[in-house]
């Protein structure tokens, strides 16, 4: 594509005709009458539109990424053994009844110095209840395992 310049004339290797710079410009501007060519137009975006689009993209990314992260964590924790003792029951699987403080009986003062001793209605006289954190296993559940709701009605 070598172009030789001689005074105000251009000679190209593609043709032997010589063209002046004004003739080249005129050739470039010639169009068919009524012809419309597609043009790329710049989109005029203000700052609020850019922020709204950015927030939308981040929200979609977070909506997809967070559940994937939790699923991976659940899968990884299922592969590891859990041997940590339950914190509330100290690994026993039972907690002391708060109503009778482990005695299994409740003393009620009726009046004029009289008192009545009855079986605890909360623990049914046992003095302890199954730990609600570990469900009696004595092993501390992992954080994501606590999301598993158990039906106590059965």
N, C-alpha and C. Protein backbone atom coordinates (compact mmCIF):
# COMPACT_ATOMS: atom_id res chain seq x y z
N UNK A 1 0.82 -1.19 0.00
CA UNK A 1 0.00 0.00 0.00
C UNK A 1 0.86 1.26 0.00
N UNK A 2 1.87 1.20 -0.73
CA UNK A 2 2.74 2.38 -0.78
C UNK A 2 2.10 3.44 -1.63
N UNK A 3 2.17 4.66 -1.18
CA UNK A 3 1.59 5.78 -1.93
C UNK A 3 2.70 6.80 -2.18
N UNK A 4 2.82 7.16 -3.39
CA UNK A 4 3.84 8.14 -3.74
C UNK A 4 3.18 9.50 -3.90
N UNK A 5 3.77 10.51 -3.35
CA UNK A 5 3.19 11.84 -3.43
C UNK A 5 4.01 12.67 -4.39
N UNK A 6 3.34 13.20 -5.39
CA UNK A 6 4.01 14.10 -6.32
C UNK A 6 3.20 15.37 -6.37
N UNK A 7 3.79 16.44 -5.99
CA UNK A 7 3.17 17.76 -5.85
C UNK A 7 1.80 17.60 -5.18
N UNK A 8 0.70 17.83 -5.87
CA UNK A 8 -0.62 17.70 -5.25
C UNK A 8 -1.38 16.53 -5.85
N UNK A 9 -0.72 15.59 -6.45
CA UNK A 9 -1.35 14.42 -7.05
C UNK A 9 -0.93 13.18 -6.28
N UNK A 10 -1.85 12.20 -6.17
CA UNK A 10 -1.58 10.95 -5.49
C UNK A 10 -1.57 9.83 -6.50
N UNK A 11 -0.61 8.94 -6.37
CA UNK A 11 -0.56 7.77 -7.23
C UNK A 11 -0.64 6.55 -6.33
N UNK A 12 -1.53 5.65 -6.66
CA UNK A 12 -1.66 4.45 -5.84
C UNK A 12 -1.16 3.26 -6.63
N UNK A 13 -0.84 2.18 -5.92
CA UNK A 13 -0.39 0.97 -6.59
C UNK A 13 -1.57 0.19 -7.15
N UNK A 14 -2.78 0.51 -6.72
CA UNK A 14 -3.97 -0.21 -7.17
C UNK A 14 -4.44 0.27 -8.54
N UNK A 15 -4.21 1.49 -8.84
CA UNK A 15 -4.63 1.99 -10.16
C UNK A 15 -3.56 2.95 -10.69
N UNK A 16 -3.58 3.09 -11.93
CA UNK A 16 -2.57 3.97 -12.53
C UNK A 16 -3.09 5.39 -12.69
N UNK A 17 -4.35 5.60 -12.25
CA UNK A 17 -4.90 6.95 -12.39
C UNK A 17 -4.41 7.83 -11.27
N UNK A 18 -4.26 9.06 -11.58
CA UNK A 18 -3.83 10.01 -10.58
C UNK A 18 -5.04 10.81 -10.11
N UNK A 19 -5.10 11.00 -8.77
CA UNK A 19 -6.23 11.73 -8.20
C UNK A 19 -5.70 12.85 -7.33
N UNK A 20 -6.38 13.96 -7.36
CA UNK A 20 -6.01 15.06 -6.46
C UNK A 20 -6.74 14.86 -5.13
N UNK A 21 -6.27 15.44 -4.04
CA UNK A 21 -6.95 15.28 -2.75
C UNK A 21 -8.39 15.77 -2.77
N UNK A 22 -8.69 16.76 -3.55
CA UNK A 22 -10.08 17.23 -3.60
C UNK A 22 -10.96 16.24 -4.34
N UNK A 23 -10.44 15.58 -5.35
CA UNK A 23 -11.21 14.57 -6.08
C UNK A 23 -11.47 13.37 -5.19
N UNK A 24 -10.51 12.96 -4.36
CA UNK A 24 -10.68 11.82 -3.45
C UNK A 24 -11.77 12.12 -2.44
N UNK A 25 -11.79 13.32 -1.90
CA UNK A 25 -12.83 13.70 -0.93
C UNK A 25 -14.19 13.71 -1.57
N UNK A 26 -14.28 14.15 -2.80
CA UNK A 26 -15.57 14.20 -3.48
C UNK A 26 -16.08 12.79 -3.77
N UNK A 27 -15.18 11.87 -4.09
CA UNK A 27 -15.59 10.49 -4.35
C UNK A 27 -16.13 9.83 -3.08
N UNK A 28 -15.53 10.14 -1.96
CA UNK A 28 -15.97 9.56 -0.71
C UNK A 28 -17.36 10.03 -0.32
N UNK A 29 -17.73 11.22 -0.64
CA UNK A 29 -19.00 11.79 -0.21
C UNK A 29 -20.17 11.43 -1.13
N UNK A 30 -19.90 10.81 -2.25
CA UNK A 30 -20.99 10.49 -3.17
C UNK A 30 -21.81 9.32 -2.64
N UNK A 31 -23.12 9.46 -2.65
CA UNK A 31 -24.03 8.40 -2.21
C UNK A 31 -25.13 8.27 -3.22
N UNK A 32 -25.76 7.14 -3.11
CA UNK A 32 -26.95 6.99 -3.94
C UNK A 32 -28.04 7.88 -3.37
N UNK A 33 -28.84 8.48 -4.19
CA UNK A 33 -29.89 9.35 -3.66
C UNK A 33 -30.92 8.51 -2.89
N UNK A 34 -31.27 8.98 -1.68
CA UNK A 34 -32.28 8.32 -0.86
C UNK A 34 -31.77 7.13 -0.07
N UNK A 35 -30.49 6.80 -0.20
CA UNK A 35 -29.97 5.64 0.53
C UNK A 35 -29.66 6.04 1.97
N UNK A 36 -30.08 5.18 2.92
CA UNK A 36 -29.80 5.42 4.34
C UNK A 36 -28.92 4.29 4.84
N UNK A 37 -27.86 4.64 5.48
CA UNK A 37 -26.95 3.65 6.01
C UNK A 37 -27.13 3.58 7.53
N UNK A 38 -27.04 2.38 8.10
CA UNK A 38 -27.19 2.29 9.56
C UNK A 38 -26.02 2.98 10.27
N UNK A 39 -26.36 3.65 11.33
CA UNK A 39 -25.35 4.34 12.11
C UNK A 39 -25.40 3.83 13.55
N UNK A 40 -24.26 3.76 14.16
CA UNK A 40 -24.19 3.42 15.57
C UNK A 40 -24.29 4.71 16.34
N UNK A 41 -25.29 4.77 17.22
CA UNK A 41 -25.46 5.98 18.00
C UNK A 41 -25.06 5.70 19.45
N UNK A 42 -24.46 6.65 20.04
CA UNK A 42 -24.07 6.53 21.44
C UNK A 42 -25.32 6.65 22.31
N UNK A 43 -25.39 5.83 23.35
CA UNK A 43 -26.51 5.89 24.27
C UNK A 43 -26.19 6.90 25.35
N UNK A 44 -27.11 7.79 25.58
CA UNK A 44 -26.91 8.82 26.58
C UNK A 44 -27.44 8.31 27.91
N UNK A 45 -26.52 7.94 28.82
CA UNK A 45 -26.91 7.41 30.13
C UNK A 45 -26.49 8.40 31.20
N UNK A 46 -27.43 8.69 32.09
CA UNK A 46 -27.06 9.54 33.21
C UNK A 46 -26.56 8.69 34.37
N UNK A 47 -26.12 9.31 35.42
CA UNK A 47 -25.51 8.61 36.54
C UNK A 47 -26.51 7.69 37.24
N UNK A 48 -27.76 8.10 37.37
CA UNK A 48 -28.77 7.27 38.04
C UNK A 48 -29.03 5.98 37.27
N UNK A 49 -29.03 6.06 35.95
CA UNK A 49 -29.26 4.86 35.14
C UNK A 49 -28.09 3.90 35.29
N UNK A 50 -26.89 4.41 35.31
CA UNK A 50 -25.71 3.56 35.47
C UNK A 50 -25.72 2.89 36.83
N UNK A 51 -26.10 3.64 37.87
CA UNK A 51 -26.18 3.07 39.21
C UNK A 51 -27.25 1.99 39.26
N UNK A 52 -28.40 2.24 38.66
CA UNK A 52 -29.50 1.26 38.67
C UNK A 52 -29.09 -0.03 37.95
N UNK A 53 -28.42 0.10 36.83
CA UNK A 53 -27.96 -1.09 36.09
C UNK A 53 -26.92 -1.84 36.91
N UNK A 54 -26.01 -1.11 37.55
CA UNK A 54 -24.97 -1.75 38.37
C UNK A 54 -25.58 -2.50 39.55
N UNK A 55 -26.55 -1.89 40.20
CA UNK A 55 -27.22 -2.55 41.34
C UNK A 55 -27.95 -3.80 40.86
N UNK A 56 -28.58 -3.73 39.72
CA UNK A 56 -29.26 -4.91 39.17
C UNK A 56 -28.30 -6.04 38.88
N UNK A 57 -27.17 -5.73 38.30
CA UNK A 57 -26.18 -6.77 37.98
C UNK A 57 -25.62 -7.39 39.25
N UNK A 58 -25.31 -6.55 40.24
CA UNK A 58 -24.78 -7.06 41.51
C UNK A 58 -25.83 -7.91 42.22
N UNK A 59 -27.09 -7.49 42.18
CA UNK A 59 -28.16 -8.25 42.83
C UNK A 59 -28.33 -9.63 42.20
N UNK A 60 -28.29 -9.69 40.90
CA UNK A 60 -28.40 -10.98 40.22
C UNK A 60 -27.20 -11.86 40.58
N UNK A 61 -26.02 -11.27 40.60
CA UNK A 61 -24.82 -12.03 40.98
C UNK A 61 -24.90 -12.56 42.40
N UNK A 62 -25.37 -11.73 43.31
CA UNK A 62 -25.51 -12.17 44.71
C UNK A 62 -26.61 -13.22 44.84
N UNK A 63 -27.68 -13.05 44.10
CA UNK A 63 -28.78 -14.02 44.15
C UNK A 63 -28.38 -15.39 43.65
N UNK A 64 -27.42 -15.44 42.79
CA UNK A 64 -26.92 -16.73 42.29
C UNK A 64 -25.76 -17.22 43.14
N UNK A 65 -24.87 -16.32 43.54
CA UNK A 65 -23.65 -16.71 44.24
C UNK A 65 -23.86 -17.16 45.67
N UNK A 66 -24.74 -16.51 46.41
CA UNK A 66 -24.93 -16.86 47.82
C UNK A 66 -25.49 -18.27 48.00
N UNK A 67 -26.56 -18.65 47.30
CA UNK A 67 -27.02 -20.04 47.45
C UNK A 67 -25.98 -21.08 47.03
N UNK A 68 -25.20 -20.78 46.02
CA UNK A 68 -24.15 -21.71 45.60
C UNK A 68 -23.11 -21.84 46.70
N UNK A 69 -22.76 -20.71 47.34
CA UNK A 69 -21.80 -20.74 48.44
C UNK A 69 -22.31 -21.62 49.58
N UNK A 70 -23.58 -21.44 49.97
CA UNK A 70 -24.13 -22.23 51.07
C UNK A 70 -24.21 -23.71 50.72
N UNK A 71 -24.56 -24.03 49.50
CA UNK A 71 -24.61 -25.43 49.09
C UNK A 71 -23.23 -26.07 49.17
N UNK A 72 -22.20 -25.34 48.74
CA UNK A 72 -20.83 -25.86 48.83
C UNK A 72 -20.41 -26.06 50.28
N UNK A 73 -20.79 -25.13 51.15
CA UNK A 73 -20.44 -25.25 52.57
C UNK A 73 -21.14 -26.45 53.20
N UNK A 74 -22.38 -26.68 52.84
CA UNK A 74 -23.13 -27.83 53.37
C UNK A 74 -22.47 -29.13 52.91
N UNK A 75 -22.11 -29.19 51.64
CA UNK A 75 -21.45 -30.39 51.11
C UNK A 75 -20.10 -30.64 51.79
N UNK A 76 -19.33 -29.56 52.00
CA UNK A 76 -18.02 -29.71 52.65
C UNK A 76 -18.16 -30.13 54.11
N UNK A 77 -19.15 -29.59 54.81
CA UNK A 77 -19.30 -29.94 56.23
C UNK A 77 -19.84 -31.36 56.39
N UNK A 78 -20.57 -31.86 55.41
CA UNK A 78 -21.07 -33.22 55.49
C UNK A 78 -19.93 -34.23 55.36
N UNK A 79 -18.85 -33.84 54.71
CA UNK A 79 -17.71 -34.74 54.52
C UNK A 79 -16.85 -34.86 55.78
N UNK A 80 -16.91 -33.86 56.66
CA UNK A 80 -16.09 -33.87 57.89
C UNK A 80 -16.88 -34.46 59.04
N UNK A 81 -16.17 -35.16 59.92
CA UNK A 81 -16.80 -35.69 61.13
C UNK A 81 -16.99 -34.56 62.13
N UNK A 82 -18.12 -34.61 62.84
CA UNK A 82 -18.40 -33.61 63.86
C UNK A 82 -18.33 -34.28 65.22
N UNK A 83 -17.35 -33.90 66.02
CA UNK A 83 -17.16 -34.51 67.34
C UNK A 83 -17.25 -33.49 68.46
N UNK A 84 -17.67 -32.27 68.16
CA UNK A 84 -17.73 -31.22 69.16
C UNK A 84 -18.94 -31.45 70.08
N UNK A 85 -18.73 -31.50 71.41
CA UNK A 85 -19.86 -31.72 72.31
C UNK A 85 -20.81 -30.52 72.33
N UNK A 86 -22.07 -30.80 72.55
CA UNK A 86 -23.11 -29.76 72.57
C UNK A 86 -22.83 -28.80 73.72
N UNK A 87 -22.92 -27.52 73.44
CA UNK A 87 -22.62 -26.51 74.46
C UNK A 87 -23.70 -26.43 75.55
N UNK A 88 -24.99 -26.33 75.23
CA UNK A 88 -25.99 -26.18 76.30
C UNK A 88 -26.08 -27.38 77.25
N UNK A 89 -25.95 -28.61 76.74
CA UNK A 89 -26.11 -29.79 77.61
C UNK A 89 -24.78 -30.43 77.99
N UNK A 90 -23.67 -29.86 77.56
CA UNK A 90 -22.31 -30.37 77.83
C UNK A 90 -22.12 -31.79 77.33
N UNK A 91 -22.82 -32.14 76.26
CA UNK A 91 -22.64 -33.45 75.64
C UNK A 91 -23.48 -34.56 76.25
N UNK A 92 -24.33 -34.25 77.21
CA UNK A 92 -25.15 -35.30 77.84
C UNK A 92 -26.40 -35.61 77.04
N UNK A 93 -26.89 -34.66 76.26
CA UNK A 93 -28.12 -34.86 75.49
C UNK A 93 -29.37 -34.48 76.25
N UNK A 94 -29.21 -34.08 77.53
CA UNK A 94 -30.36 -33.68 78.35
C UNK A 94 -30.03 -32.39 79.08
N UNK A 95 -31.06 -31.59 79.30
CA UNK A 95 -30.91 -30.35 80.05
C UNK A 95 -31.78 -30.43 81.30
N UNK A 96 -31.33 -29.78 82.35
CA UNK A 96 -32.08 -29.76 83.60
C UNK A 96 -33.36 -28.97 83.38
N UNK A 97 -34.46 -29.49 83.92
CA UNK A 97 -35.76 -28.81 83.80
C UNK A 97 -35.71 -27.48 84.54
N UNK A 98 -36.11 -26.42 83.88
CA UNK A 98 -36.07 -25.10 84.49
C UNK A 98 -37.23 -24.88 85.45
N UNK A 99 -38.27 -25.64 85.29
CA UNK A 99 -39.45 -25.45 86.12
C UNK A 99 -39.24 -26.02 87.52
N UNK A 100 -38.69 -27.24 87.61
CA UNK A 100 -38.47 -27.89 88.92
C UNK A 100 -37.01 -27.89 89.33
N UNK A 101 -36.14 -27.29 88.52
CA UNK A 101 -34.68 -27.24 88.72
C UNK A 101 -34.07 -28.62 88.94
N UNK A 102 -34.61 -29.63 88.24
CA UNK A 102 -34.04 -30.97 88.26
C UNK A 102 -34.56 -31.88 89.35
N UNK A 103 -35.45 -31.40 90.22
CA UNK A 103 -35.93 -32.23 91.33
C UNK A 103 -37.02 -33.20 90.88
N UNK A 104 -37.76 -32.85 89.86
CA UNK A 104 -38.87 -33.70 89.40
C UNK A 104 -40.16 -33.42 90.12
N UNK A 105 -40.10 -32.62 91.18
CA UNK A 105 -41.31 -32.24 91.92
C UNK A 105 -41.34 -30.74 92.11
N UNK A 106 -42.55 -30.23 92.28
CA UNK A 106 -42.75 -28.81 92.48
C UNK A 106 -43.49 -28.63 93.80
N UNK A 107 -42.97 -27.75 94.63
CA UNK A 107 -43.62 -27.46 95.91
C UNK A 107 -44.38 -26.15 95.78
N UNK A 108 -45.68 -26.21 96.09
CA UNK A 108 -46.53 -25.04 95.99
C UNK A 108 -47.00 -24.69 97.41
N UNK A 109 -46.78 -23.45 97.83
CA UNK A 109 -47.24 -22.99 99.14
C UNK A 109 -48.68 -22.52 98.97
N UNK A 110 -49.60 -23.21 99.68
CA UNK A 110 -51.03 -22.91 99.54
C UNK A 110 -51.42 -21.73 100.42
N UNK A 111 -50.98 -21.71 101.58
CA UNK A 111 -51.30 -20.62 102.50
C UNK A 111 -51.35 -21.16 103.92
N UNK A 112 -51.30 -20.29 104.88
CA UNK A 112 -51.29 -20.61 106.31
C UNK A 112 -50.30 -21.72 106.64
N UNK A 113 -49.15 -21.67 105.98
CA UNK A 113 -48.09 -22.61 106.27
C UNK A 113 -48.24 -23.97 105.60
N UNK A 114 -49.30 -24.17 104.84
CA UNK A 114 -49.49 -25.45 104.17
C UNK A 114 -48.78 -25.41 102.81
N UNK A 115 -48.24 -26.53 102.38
CA UNK A 115 -47.62 -26.64 101.06
C UNK A 115 -47.98 -27.99 100.45
N UNK A 116 -48.00 -27.99 99.17
CA UNK A 116 -48.36 -29.22 98.45
C UNK A 116 -47.21 -29.56 97.49
N UNK A 117 -46.79 -30.79 97.46
CA UNK A 117 -45.74 -31.25 96.58
C UNK A 117 -46.39 -32.07 95.47
N UNK A 118 -46.09 -31.71 94.23
CA UNK A 118 -46.67 -32.45 93.10
C UNK A 118 -45.59 -32.72 92.06
N UNK A 119 -45.93 -33.65 91.19
CA UNK A 119 -45.00 -34.01 90.11
C UNK A 119 -44.91 -32.84 89.11
N UNK A 120 -43.71 -32.57 88.60
CA UNK A 120 -43.49 -31.47 87.65
C UNK A 120 -44.24 -31.77 86.35
N UNK A 121 -45.02 -30.81 85.89
CA UNK A 121 -45.79 -31.01 84.66
C UNK A 121 -44.93 -30.77 83.42
N UNK A 122 -43.82 -30.07 83.57
CA UNK A 122 -42.96 -29.76 82.44
C UNK A 122 -42.13 -30.97 82.02
N UNK A 123 -41.49 -31.63 82.98
CA UNK A 123 -40.61 -32.77 82.67
C UNK A 123 -41.25 -34.11 83.04
N UNK A 124 -42.48 -34.10 83.50
CA UNK A 124 -43.23 -35.29 83.89
C UNK A 124 -42.52 -36.05 85.01
N UNK A 125 -41.86 -35.29 85.91
CA UNK A 125 -41.23 -35.87 87.08
C UNK A 125 -39.85 -36.43 86.84
N UNK A 126 -39.30 -36.32 85.66
CA UNK A 126 -37.98 -36.88 85.35
C UNK A 126 -36.87 -35.95 85.86
N UNK A 127 -37.09 -34.67 85.80
CA UNK A 127 -36.08 -33.70 86.25
C UNK A 127 -35.20 -33.18 85.13
N UNK A 128 -35.33 -33.75 83.95
CA UNK A 128 -34.54 -33.28 82.81
C UNK A 128 -35.37 -33.40 81.54
N UNK A 129 -34.95 -32.64 80.54
CA UNK A 129 -35.61 -32.64 79.23
C UNK A 129 -34.57 -32.91 78.15
N UNK A 130 -35.03 -33.41 77.03
CA UNK A 130 -34.13 -33.61 75.89
C UNK A 130 -33.62 -32.26 75.42
N UNK A 131 -32.33 -32.18 75.19
CA UNK A 131 -31.71 -30.93 74.73
C UNK A 131 -32.30 -30.52 73.39
N UNK A 132 -32.76 -29.29 73.32
CA UNK A 132 -33.38 -28.80 72.07
C UNK A 132 -32.35 -28.39 71.04
N UNK A 133 -31.10 -28.18 71.45
CA UNK A 133 -30.05 -27.80 70.50
C UNK A 133 -29.55 -29.00 69.71
N UNK A 134 -29.23 -30.08 70.41
CA UNK A 134 -28.66 -31.26 69.74
C UNK A 134 -29.68 -32.38 69.55
N UNK A 135 -30.90 -32.16 69.98
CA UNK A 135 -31.98 -33.17 69.89
C UNK A 135 -31.60 -34.47 70.61
N UNK A 136 -30.80 -34.37 71.70
CA UNK A 136 -30.44 -35.52 72.51
C UNK A 136 -29.21 -36.28 72.05
N UNK A 137 -28.56 -35.84 70.98
CA UNK A 137 -27.40 -36.58 70.48
C UNK A 137 -26.14 -36.27 71.29
N UNK A 138 -26.07 -35.10 71.93
CA UNK A 138 -24.89 -34.71 72.69
C UNK A 138 -23.81 -34.08 71.84
N UNK A 139 -24.01 -34.01 70.53
CA UNK A 139 -23.01 -33.42 69.62
C UNK A 139 -23.55 -32.09 69.10
N UNK A 140 -22.71 -31.08 69.18
CA UNK A 140 -23.10 -29.74 68.74
C UNK A 140 -23.38 -29.75 67.24
N UNK A 141 -24.58 -29.37 66.82
CA UNK A 141 -24.84 -29.34 65.38
C UNK A 141 -24.06 -28.21 64.72
N UNK A 142 -23.72 -28.41 63.48
CA UNK A 142 -23.04 -27.35 62.74
C UNK A 142 -24.04 -26.24 62.47
N UNK A 143 -23.50 -25.09 62.14
CA UNK A 143 -24.36 -23.91 61.93
C UNK A 143 -25.42 -24.17 60.87
N UNK A 144 -25.02 -24.72 59.75
CA UNK A 144 -25.98 -24.92 58.67
C UNK A 144 -26.91 -26.10 58.94
N UNK A 145 -26.52 -27.02 59.83
CA UNK A 145 -27.40 -28.13 60.17
C UNK A 145 -28.58 -27.66 61.01
N UNK A 146 -28.44 -26.54 61.69
CA UNK A 146 -29.53 -26.03 62.51
C UNK A 146 -30.69 -25.53 61.66
N UNK A 147 -30.44 -25.30 60.40
CA UNK A 147 -31.49 -24.81 59.50
C UNK A 147 -32.50 -25.92 59.18
N UNK A 148 -32.16 -27.12 59.52
CA UNK A 148 -33.04 -28.25 59.26
C UNK A 148 -34.07 -28.31 60.38
N UNK A 149 -35.32 -28.01 60.05
CA UNK A 149 -36.37 -27.99 61.06
C UNK A 149 -36.95 -29.38 61.23
N UNK A 150 -37.08 -29.79 62.47
CA UNK A 150 -37.63 -31.11 62.77
C UNK A 150 -39.06 -30.93 63.27
N UNK A 151 -39.93 -31.84 62.87
CA UNK A 151 -41.32 -31.80 63.28
C UNK A 151 -41.46 -32.49 64.63
N UNK A 152 -41.82 -31.74 65.67
CA UNK A 152 -41.95 -32.29 67.01
C UNK A 152 -43.32 -32.91 67.27
N UNK A 153 -44.25 -32.78 66.33
CA UNK A 153 -45.59 -33.29 66.52
C UNK A 153 -45.70 -34.79 66.34
N UNK A 154 -44.73 -35.40 65.70
CA UNK A 154 -44.82 -36.85 65.42
C UNK A 154 -44.59 -37.67 66.66
